[in-house]
Amino acid sequence: MRVRRDQPGTLLGPVIGALDRLLCTGARARRAIRGLALAGRFAARGDNFTFDPDGVYTCESIEVGDNVDLGYRPILVAARSRIRIGDNVMFGPEVTIRGGNHRIEQVGVPMIAVEKEAGDDSHDRGVTIGDDVWVGTRAVILHGVTIGRGAVIGAGAVVTRSVPPYAVTAGNPARVIRLRWPVETIQAHERQLYPVDRRLTAAEMAGLAELPAPEPRPTPVTKSLTTGVQPR
C-alpha cells in the first residue's frame, strides 16, 4: 500500500525527529552541567573518575580513588559516616551503598524521631571498598561493611558483612561462593600489581586458604584439523 505524503504520520515524522534531537541535546547539556557541579563536591576523587550525574550521592562524605566507574544511577548515601572507594573499581547499574543506620530498640518513640546519642558511632558506620573490586548490578552494600581488594559482588547481592579479599560473593544475605583464584595465583597477581609494602600479609593469605577455592577448569579438547578426530 502506498502512503500519501499528506497523511498526519508522514507530516509529523520530521517534526517529532527534530524535537527528539532537541530534547536529547538538552538532556546531554543538563547532565554535563550537573556532572561538573557535583564533581567538585566529592570529599576526594582521583584521576579518571566516572559517575552518572543522575545518581544520588552525599558527595561530601564520599572518597573515590583513581580509575573508578560508579555505573548507571547508583545511590551512595552516608549522612554521618564515610564511603571510601579505592582504585580500579567498577560498578554495574543501580548499585546502592548505605552508610549509617537507624536505631530501632527504643520503646515509646517512633523510629523516625530517635536521635543519635553523642559519641555513639555504632549506628553510623561507614563503608570501605578496596582496590580492584567489581560490584554487580543492583547490589546493596550496608553500613559497617569492608569489601576486600579484588573481590567480586554478584548482581543483586545484599552485603551485610565484610568480604575477604579476592572473594566472589552472591545472594541475600551475601555469602562467599569461592575465591577468584587459588591462593598461589592470588600471590602471583599481588606481586605483579603491588609493591611489597602493599601486598596482602602472610596472615591475610592464610585466611584466604580457608575459603573455597575455584574448581579447576577442564582442559579444552582439540580436534585434528585434517581428520576431525581427537588427538591421542
C-alpha atoms as a PDB file:
ATOM      1  CA  MET A   1       0.000   0.000   0.000  1.00  0.00           C
ATOM      2  CA  ARG A   2       1.324   3.433  -0.936  1.00  0.00           C
ATOM      3  CA  VAL A   3       1.291   6.075   1.805  1.00  0.00           C
ATOM      4  CA  ARG A   4       0.126   9.534   0.855  1.00  0.00           C
ATOM      5  CA  ARG A   5       2.622  12.213   1.793  1.00  0.00           C
ATOM      6  CA  ASP A   6      -0.108  14.420   3.246  1.00  0.00           C
ATOM      7  CA  GLN A   7      -1.060  11.841   5.907  1.00  0.00           C
ATOM      8  CA  PRO A   8      -0.505  13.064   9.535  1.00  0.00           C
ATOM      9  CA  GLY A   9       2.137  10.428  10.348  1.00  0.00           C
ATOM     10  CA  THR A  10       4.226  11.417   7.362  1.00  0.00           C
ATOM     11  CA  LEU A  11       3.954  15.130   8.113  1.00  0.00           C
ATOM     12  CA  LEU A  12       4.709  14.784  11.831  1.00  0.00           C
ATOM     13  CA  GLY A  13       7.685  12.474  11.392  1.00  0.00           C
ATOM     14  CA  PRO A  14      10.309  15.159  10.672  1.00  0.00           C
ATOM     15  CA  VAL A  15       8.885  17.406  13.411  1.00  0.00           C
ATOM     16  CA  ILE A  16       8.985  14.619  16.006  1.00  0.00           C
ATOM     17  CA  GLY A  17      12.517  13.714  14.939  1.00  0.00           C
ATOM     18  CA  ALA A  18      13.659  17.310  15.322  1.00  0.00           C
ATOM     19  CA  LEU A  19      12.038  17.576  18.768  1.00  0.00           C
ATOM     20  CA  ASP A  20      13.675  14.329  19.845  1.00  0.00           C
ATOM     21  CA  ARG A  21      17.107  15.574  18.782  1.00  0.00           C
ATOM     22  CA  LEU A  22      16.482  18.856  20.598  1.00  0.00           C
ATOM     23  CA  LEU A  23      15.439  17.088  23.809  1.00  0.00           C
ATOM     24  CA  CYS A  24      18.426  14.734  23.650  1.00  0.00           C
ATOM     25  CA  THR A  25      20.777  17.683  23.195  1.00  0.00           C
ATOM     26  CA  GLY A  26      19.173  19.435  26.156  1.00  0.00           C
ATOM     27  CA  ALA A  27      19.429  16.291  28.319  1.00  0.00           C
ATOM     28  CA  ARG A  28      23.113  15.889  27.486  1.00  0.00           C
ATOM     29  CA  ALA A  29      23.761  19.517  28.332  1.00  0.00           C
ATOM     30  CA  ARG A  30      21.879  19.202  31.632  1.00  0.00           C
ATOM     31  CA  ARG A  31      23.854  16.066  32.575  1.00  0.00           C
ATOM     32  CA  ALA A  32      27.146  17.724  31.687  1.00  0.00           C
ATOM     33  CA  ILE A  33      26.354  20.779  33.812  1.00  0.00           C
ATOM     34  CA  ARG A  34      25.170  18.668  36.750  1.00  0.00           C
ATOM     35  CA  GLY A  35      28.262  16.469  36.459  1.00  0.00           C
ATOM     36  CA  LEU A  36      30.573  19.454  36.639  1.00  0.00           C
ATOM     37  CA  ALA A  37      28.680  20.816  39.630  1.00  0.00           C
ATOM     38  CA  LEU A  38      28.813  17.502  41.533  1.00  0.00           C
ATOM     39  CA  ALA A  39      32.414  16.536  40.739  1.00  0.00           C
ATOM     40  CA  GLY A  40      33.897  19.273  42.886  1.00  0.00           C
ATOM     41  CA  ARG A  41      31.750  18.353  45.888  1.00  0.00           C
ATOM     42  CA  PHE A  42      33.180  14.866  46.494  1.00  0.00           C
ATOM     43  CA  ALA A  43      35.361  14.700  49.602  1.00  0.00           C
ATOM     44  CA  ALA A  44      38.186  13.269  47.467  1.00  0.00           C
ATOM     45  CA  ARG A  45      38.409  11.947  43.924  1.00  0.00           C
ATOM     46  CA  GLY A  46      41.252  10.543  41.860  1.00  0.00           C
ATOM     47  CA  ASP A  47      42.034  10.605  38.162  1.00  0.00           C
ATOM     48  CA  ASN A  48      39.780   9.023  35.535  1.00  0.00           C
ATOM     49  CA  PHE A  49      36.697   9.122  37.767  1.00  0.00           C
ATOM     50  CA  THR A  50      33.393   8.412  36.007  1.00  0.00           C
ATOM     51  CA  PHE A  51      29.965   8.814  37.592  1.00  0.00           C
ATOM     52  CA  ASP A  52      26.379   9.258  36.458  1.00  0.00           C
ATOM     53  CA  PRO A  53      25.149  12.790  37.224  1.00  0.00           C
ATOM     54  CA  ASP A  54      21.658  11.370  37.681  1.00  0.00           C
ATOM     55  CA  GLY A  55      22.770   9.145  40.576  1.00  0.00           C
ATOM     56  CA  VAL A  56      22.200  10.033  44.238  1.00  0.00           C
ATOM     57  CA  TYR A  57      25.276  10.998  46.266  1.00  0.00           C
ATOM     58  CA  THR A  58      26.067  12.552  49.635  1.00  0.00           C
ATOM     59  CA  CYS A  59      29.173  13.862  47.912  1.00  0.00           C
ATOM     60  CA  GLU A  60      30.855  15.420  50.941  1.00  0.00           C
ATOM     61  CA  SER A  61      31.080  12.014  52.652  1.00  0.00           C
ATOM     62  CA  ILE A  62      32.404  10.049  49.642  1.00  0.00           C
ATOM     63  CA  GLU A  63      36.070   9.477  48.812  1.00  0.00           C
ATOM     64  CA  VAL A  64      36.988   7.898  45.476  1.00  0.00           C
ATOM     65  CA  GLY A  65      40.358   6.718  44.116  1.00  0.00           C
ATOM     66  CA  ASP A  66      41.767   6.512  40.593  1.00  0.00           C
ATOM     67  CA  ASN A  67      40.112   4.723  37.662  1.00  0.00           C
ATOM     68  CA  VAL A  68      36.681   4.373  39.273  1.00  0.00           C
ATOM     69  CA  ASP A  69      33.385   3.972  37.398  1.00  0.00           C
ATOM     70  CA  LEU A  70      30.283   4.195  39.590  1.00  0.00           C
ATOM     71  CA  GLY A  71      27.979   2.889  36.861  1.00  0.00           C
ATOM     72  CA  TYR A  72      24.448   3.915  35.934  1.00  0.00           C
ATOM     73  CA  ARG A  73      22.304   5.697  38.541  1.00  0.00           C
ATOM     74  CA  PRO A  74      23.866   4.452  41.780  1.00  0.00           C
ATOM     75  CA  ILE A  75      22.739   5.527  45.252  1.00  0.00           C
ATOM     76  CA  LEU A  76      25.623   6.321  47.617  1.00  0.00           C
ATOM     77  CA  VAL A  77      24.359   7.784  50.879  1.00  0.00           C
ATOM     78  CA  ALA A  78      26.204   8.308  54.176  1.00  0.00           C
ATOM     79  CA  ALA A  79      24.937  11.212  56.249  1.00  0.00           C
ATOM     80  CA  ARG A  80      27.302  10.969  59.249  1.00  0.00           C
ATOM     81  CA  SER A  81      29.808   8.303  58.154  1.00  0.00           C
ATOM     82  CA  ARG A  82      32.135   7.891  55.156  1.00  0.00           C
ATOM     83  CA  ILE A  83      32.091   5.875  51.963  1.00  0.00           C
ATOM     84  CA  ARG A  84      35.638   5.135  50.805  1.00  0.00           C
ATOM     85  CA  ILE A  85      36.283   3.578  47.390  1.00  0.00           C
ATOM     86  CA  GLY A  86      39.771   2.508  46.285  1.00  0.00           C
ATOM     87  CA  ASP A  87      41.436   2.436  42.876  1.00  0.00           C
ATOM     88  CA  ASN A  88      40.334   0.495  39.779  1.00  0.00           C
ATOM     89  CA  VAL A  89      36.761  -0.130  40.971  1.00  0.00           C
ATOM     90  CA  MET A  90      33.771  -0.670  38.702  1.00  0.00           C
ATOM     91  CA  PHE A  91      30.044  -0.756  39.460  1.00  0.00           C
ATOM     92  CA  GLY A  92      27.215  -2.243  37.462  1.00  0.00           C
ATOM     93  CA  PRO A  93      23.954  -0.291  37.095  1.00  0.00           C
ATOM     94  CA  GLU A  94      21.938   0.887  40.113  1.00  0.00           C
ATOM     95  CA  VAL A  95      24.251  -0.141  42.942  1.00  0.00           C
ATOM     96  CA  THR A  96      23.235   1.065  46.418  1.00  0.00           C
ATOM     97  CA  ILE A  97      25.689   1.806  49.235  1.00  0.00           C
ATOM     98  CA  ARG A  98      24.232   2.898  52.567  1.00  0.00           C
ATOM     99  CA  GLY A  99      26.463   4.178  55.313  1.00  0.00           C
ATOM    100  CA  GLY A 100      24.814   4.776  58.677  1.00  0.00           C
ATOM    101  CA  ASN A 101      21.691   3.228  60.134  1.00  0.00           C
ATOM    102  CA  HIS A 102      18.594   3.913  62.255  1.00  0.00           C
ATOM    103  CA  ARG A 103      18.066   2.887  65.857  1.00  0.00           C
ATOM    104  CA  ILE A 104      15.095   0.571  66.386  1.00  0.00           C
ATOM    105  CA  GLU A 105      15.365  -0.509  70.038  1.00  0.00           C
ATOM    106  CA  GLN A 106      13.817   2.457  71.855  1.00  0.00           C
ATOM    107  CA  VAL A 107      10.361   1.855  73.299  1.00  0.00           C
ATOM    108  CA  GLY A 108       7.708   4.570  73.128  1.00  0.00           C
ATOM    109  CA  VAL A 109       9.433   6.611  70.435  1.00  0.00           C
ATOM    110  CA  PRO A 110       8.750   6.440  66.681  1.00  0.00           C
ATOM    111  CA  MET A 111      11.889   5.293  64.883  1.00  0.00           C
ATOM    112  CA  ILE A 112      11.981   8.460  62.780  1.00  0.00           C
ATOM    113  CA  ALA A 113      12.197  10.528  65.979  1.00  0.00           C
ATOM    114  CA  VAL A 114      15.032   8.577  67.634  1.00  0.00           C
ATOM    115  CA  GLU A 115      18.147  10.731  67.818  1.00  0.00           C
ATOM    116  CA  LYS A 116      21.725   9.549  67.838  1.00  0.00           C
ATOM    117  CA  GLU A 117      23.450   9.789  71.192  1.00  0.00           C
ATOM    118  CA  ALA A 118      26.639  11.823  71.373  1.00  0.00           C
ATOM    119  CA  GLY A 119      29.712   9.691  70.748  1.00  0.00           C
ATOM    120  CA  ASP A 120      27.682   6.680  69.566  1.00  0.00           C
ATOM    121  CA  ASP A 121      29.182   5.593  66.255  1.00  0.00           C
ATOM    122  CA  SER A 122      27.822   2.042  66.326  1.00  0.00           C
ATOM    123  CA  HIS A 123      24.785   3.077  64.274  1.00  0.00           C
ATOM    124  CA  ASP A 124      26.642   5.283  61.802  1.00  0.00           C
ATOM    125  CA  ARG A 125      29.421   3.110  60.474  1.00  0.00           C
ATOM    126  CA  GLY A 126      30.757   3.714  57.001  1.00  0.00           C
ATOM    127  CA  VAL A 127      31.598   1.515  54.011  1.00  0.00           C
ATOM    128  CA  THR A 128      35.058   0.792  52.599  1.00  0.00           C
ATOM    129  CA  ILE A 129      35.672  -0.749  49.174  1.00  0.00           C
ATOM    130  CA  GLY A 130      39.214  -1.843  48.371  1.00  0.00           C
ATOM    131  CA  ASP A 131      41.100  -1.676  45.088  1.00  0.00           C
ATOM    132  CA  ASP A 132      40.232  -3.751  42.013  1.00  0.00           C
ATOM    133  CA  VAL A 133      36.647  -4.538  43.062  1.00  0.00           C
ATOM    134  CA  TRP A 134      33.680  -5.258  40.791  1.00  0.00           C
ATOM    135  CA  VAL A 135      30.205  -4.616  42.237  1.00  0.00           C
ATOM    136  CA  GLY A 136      27.427  -6.151  40.153  1.00  0.00           C
ATOM    137  CA  THR A 137      24.101  -4.732  39.047  1.00  0.00           C
ATOM    138  CA  ARG A 138      21.726  -3.652  41.843  1.00  0.00           C
ATOM    139  CA  ALA A 139      23.931  -4.956  44.626  1.00  0.00           C
ATOM    140  CA  VAL A 140      23.275  -3.399  48.040  1.00  0.00           C
ATOM    141  CA  ILE A 141      26.134  -2.765  50.475  1.00  0.00           C
ATOM    142  CA  LEU A 142      25.131  -1.793  54.014  1.00  0.00           C
ATOM    143  CA  HIS A 143      26.888   0.153  56.758  1.00  0.00           C
ATOM    144  CA  GLY A 144      29.949  -1.241  58.512  1.00  0.00           C
ATOM    145  CA  VAL A 145      30.987  -3.387  55.545  1.00  0.00           C
ATOM    146  CA  THR A 146      34.508  -3.566  54.139  1.00  0.00           C
ATOM    147  CA  ILE A 147      34.942  -5.102  50.690  1.00  0.00           C
ATOM    148  CA  GLY A 148      38.417  -6.571  50.379  1.00  0.00           C
ATOM    149  CA  ARG A 149      40.757  -5.929  47.477  1.00  0.00           C
ATOM    150  CA  GLY A 150      39.992  -7.853  44.297  1.00  0.00           C
ATOM    151  CA  ALA A 151      36.558  -9.048  45.430  1.00  0.00           C
ATOM    152  CA  VAL A 152      33.521  -9.584  43.181  1.00  0.00           C
ATOM    153  CA  ILE A 153      30.000  -8.779  44.429  1.00  0.00           C
ATOM    154  CA  GLY A 154      27.333 -10.596  42.446  1.00  0.00           C
ATOM    155  CA  ALA A 155      24.346  -8.871  40.888  1.00  0.00           C
ATOM    156  CA  GLY A 156      21.520  -8.334  43.363  1.00  0.00           C
ATOM    157  CA  ALA A 157      23.622  -9.308  46.388  1.00  0.00           C
ATOM    158  CA  VAL A 158      22.785  -7.751  49.758  1.00  0.00           C
ATOM    159  CA  VAL A 159      26.093  -7.389  51.584  1.00  0.00           C
ATOM    160  CA  THR A 160      25.676  -7.163  55.358  1.00  0.00           C
ATOM    161  CA  ARG A 161      29.103  -8.484  56.397  1.00  0.00           C
ATOM    162  CA  SER A 162      32.637  -7.672  55.308  1.00  0.00           C
ATOM    163  CA  VAL A 163      34.004  -9.556  52.293  1.00  0.00           C
ATOM    164  CA  PRO A 164      37.536 -11.056  52.238  1.00  0.00           C
ATOM    165  CA  PRO A 165      39.992 -10.062  49.503  1.00  0.00           C
ATOM    166  CA  TYR A 166      39.541 -11.838  46.152  1.00  0.00           C
ATOM    167  CA  ALA A 167      36.279 -13.472  47.254  1.00  0.00           C
ATOM    168  CA  VAL A 168      33.295 -13.929  44.950  1.00  0.00           C
ATOM    169  CA  THR A 169      30.053 -13.312  46.840  1.00  0.00           C
ATOM    170  CA  ALA A 170      26.375 -13.585  45.952  1.00  0.00           C
ATOM    171  CA  GLY A 171      22.932 -13.888  47.496  1.00  0.00           C
ATOM    172  CA  ASN A 172      20.731 -12.234  50.134  1.00  0.00           C
ATOM    173  CA  PRO A 173      22.355 -12.032  52.564  1.00  0.00           C
ATOM    174  CA  ALA A 174      25.538 -12.300  50.537  1.00  0.00           C
ATOM    175  CA  ARG A 175      27.907 -15.176  51.258  1.00  0.00           C
ATOM    176  CA  VAL A 176      31.289 -16.179  49.901  1.00  0.00           C
ATOM    177  CA  ILE A 177      30.932 -18.598  46.998  1.00  0.00           C
ATOM    178  CA  ARG A 178      34.624 -19.090  46.293  1.00  0.00           C
ATOM    179  CA  LEU A 179      37.885 -17.275  45.698  1.00  0.00           C
ATOM    180  CA  ARG A 180      38.612 -15.821  42.278  1.00  0.00           C
ATOM    181  CA  TRP A 181      41.789 -17.912  42.021  1.00  0.00           C
ATOM    182  CA  PRO A 182      43.794 -20.382  44.093  1.00  0.00           C
ATOM    183  CA  VAL A 183      45.934 -18.714  46.754  1.00  0.00           C
ATOM    184  CA  GLU A 184      49.113 -19.282  44.736  1.00  0.00           C
ATOM    185  CA  THR A 185      47.624 -17.378  41.804  1.00  0.00           C
ATOM    186  CA  ILE A 186      46.492 -14.570  44.107  1.00  0.00           C
ATOM    187  CA  GLN A 187      50.066 -14.273  45.372  1.00  0.00           C
ATOM    188  CA  ALA A 188      51.364 -14.033  41.803  1.00  0.00           C
ATOM    189  CA  HIS A 189      48.710 -11.432  40.984  1.00  0.00           C
ATOM    190  CA  GLU A 190      49.710  -9.381  44.034  1.00  0.00           C
ATOM    191  CA  ARG A 191      53.391  -9.499  43.058  1.00  0.00           C
ATOM    192  CA  GLN A 192      52.578  -8.123  39.598  1.00  0.00           C
ATOM    193  CA  LEU A 193      50.328  -5.278  40.756  1.00  0.00           C
ATOM    194  CA  TYR A 194      51.505  -4.098  44.158  1.00  0.00           C
ATOM    195  CA  PRO A 195      54.817  -3.169  45.825  1.00  0.00           C
ATOM    196  CA  VAL A 196      55.946  -5.293  48.759  1.00  0.00           C
ATOM    197  CA  ASP A 197      54.565  -2.942  51.389  1.00  0.00           C
ATOM    198  CA  ARG A 198      51.061  -3.017  49.846  1.00  0.00           C
ATOM    199  CA  ARG A 199      50.677  -6.757  49.292  1.00  0.00           C
ATOM    200  CA  LEU A 200      48.456  -8.927  51.471  1.00  0.00           C
ATOM    201  CA  THR A 201      50.206 -10.084  54.603  1.00  0.00           C
ATOM    202  CA  ALA A 202      51.043 -13.708  55.402  1.00  0.00           C
ATOM    203  CA  ALA A 203      48.187 -13.755  57.918  1.00  0.00           C
ATOM    204  CA  GLU A 204      45.728 -12.461  55.308  1.00  0.00           C
ATOM    205  CA  MET A 205      46.900 -15.084  52.816  1.00  0.00           C
ATOM    206  CA  ALA A 206      46.479 -17.791  55.447  1.00  0.00           C
ATOM    207  CA  GLY A 207      42.904 -16.618  55.988  1.00  0.00           C
ATOM    208  CA  LEU A 208      42.195 -16.918  52.264  1.00  0.00           C
ATOM    209  CA  ALA A 209      43.441 -20.505  52.285  1.00  0.00           C
ATOM    210  CA  GLU A 210      40.425 -21.414  54.450  1.00  0.00           C
ATOM    211  CA  LEU A 211      37.932 -20.214  51.802  1.00  0.00           C
ATOM    212  CA  PRO A 212      36.603 -22.392  48.956  1.00  0.00           C
ATOM    213  CA  ALA A 213      38.990 -22.418  46.008  1.00  0.00           C
ATOM    214  CA  PRO A 214      37.662 -22.248  42.450  1.00  0.00           C
ATOM    215  CA  GLU A 215      37.191 -25.567  40.727  1.00  0.00           C
ATOM    216  CA  PRO A 216      39.828 -26.224  38.062  1.00  0.00           C
ATOM    217  CA  ARG A 217      38.579 -25.615  34.573  1.00  0.00           C
ATOM    218  CA  PRO A 218      38.639 -28.624  32.256  1.00  0.00           C
ATOM    219  CA  THR A 219      41.282 -28.564  29.571  1.00  0.00           C
ATOM    220  CA  PRO A 220      39.568 -27.930  26.212  1.00  0.00           C
ATOM    221  CA  VAL A 221      39.634 -30.886  23.851  1.00  0.00           C
ATOM    222  CA  THR A 222      41.049 -30.059  20.430  1.00  0.00           C
ATOM    223  CA  LYS A 223      40.419 -31.894  17.214  1.00  0.00           C
ATOM    224  CA  SER A 224      42.700 -32.541  14.323  1.00  0.00           C
ATOM    225  CA  LEU A 225      42.150 -30.043  11.527  1.00  0.00           C
ATOM    226  CA  THR A 226      42.703 -32.740   8.904  1.00  0.00           C
ATOM    227  CA  THR A 227      40.981 -35.833  10.262  1.00  0.00           C
ATOM    228  CA  GLY A 228      38.460 -34.348  12.734  1.00  0.00           C
ATOM    229  CA  VAL A 229      39.420 -36.939  15.353  1.00  0.00           C
ATOM    230  CA  GLN A 230      40.677 -36.265  18.840  1.00  0.00           C
ATOM    231  CA  PRO A 231      44.457 -36.497  19.230  1.00  0.00           C
ATOM    232  CA  ARG A 232      45.830 -39.331  21.382  1.00  0.00           C
END
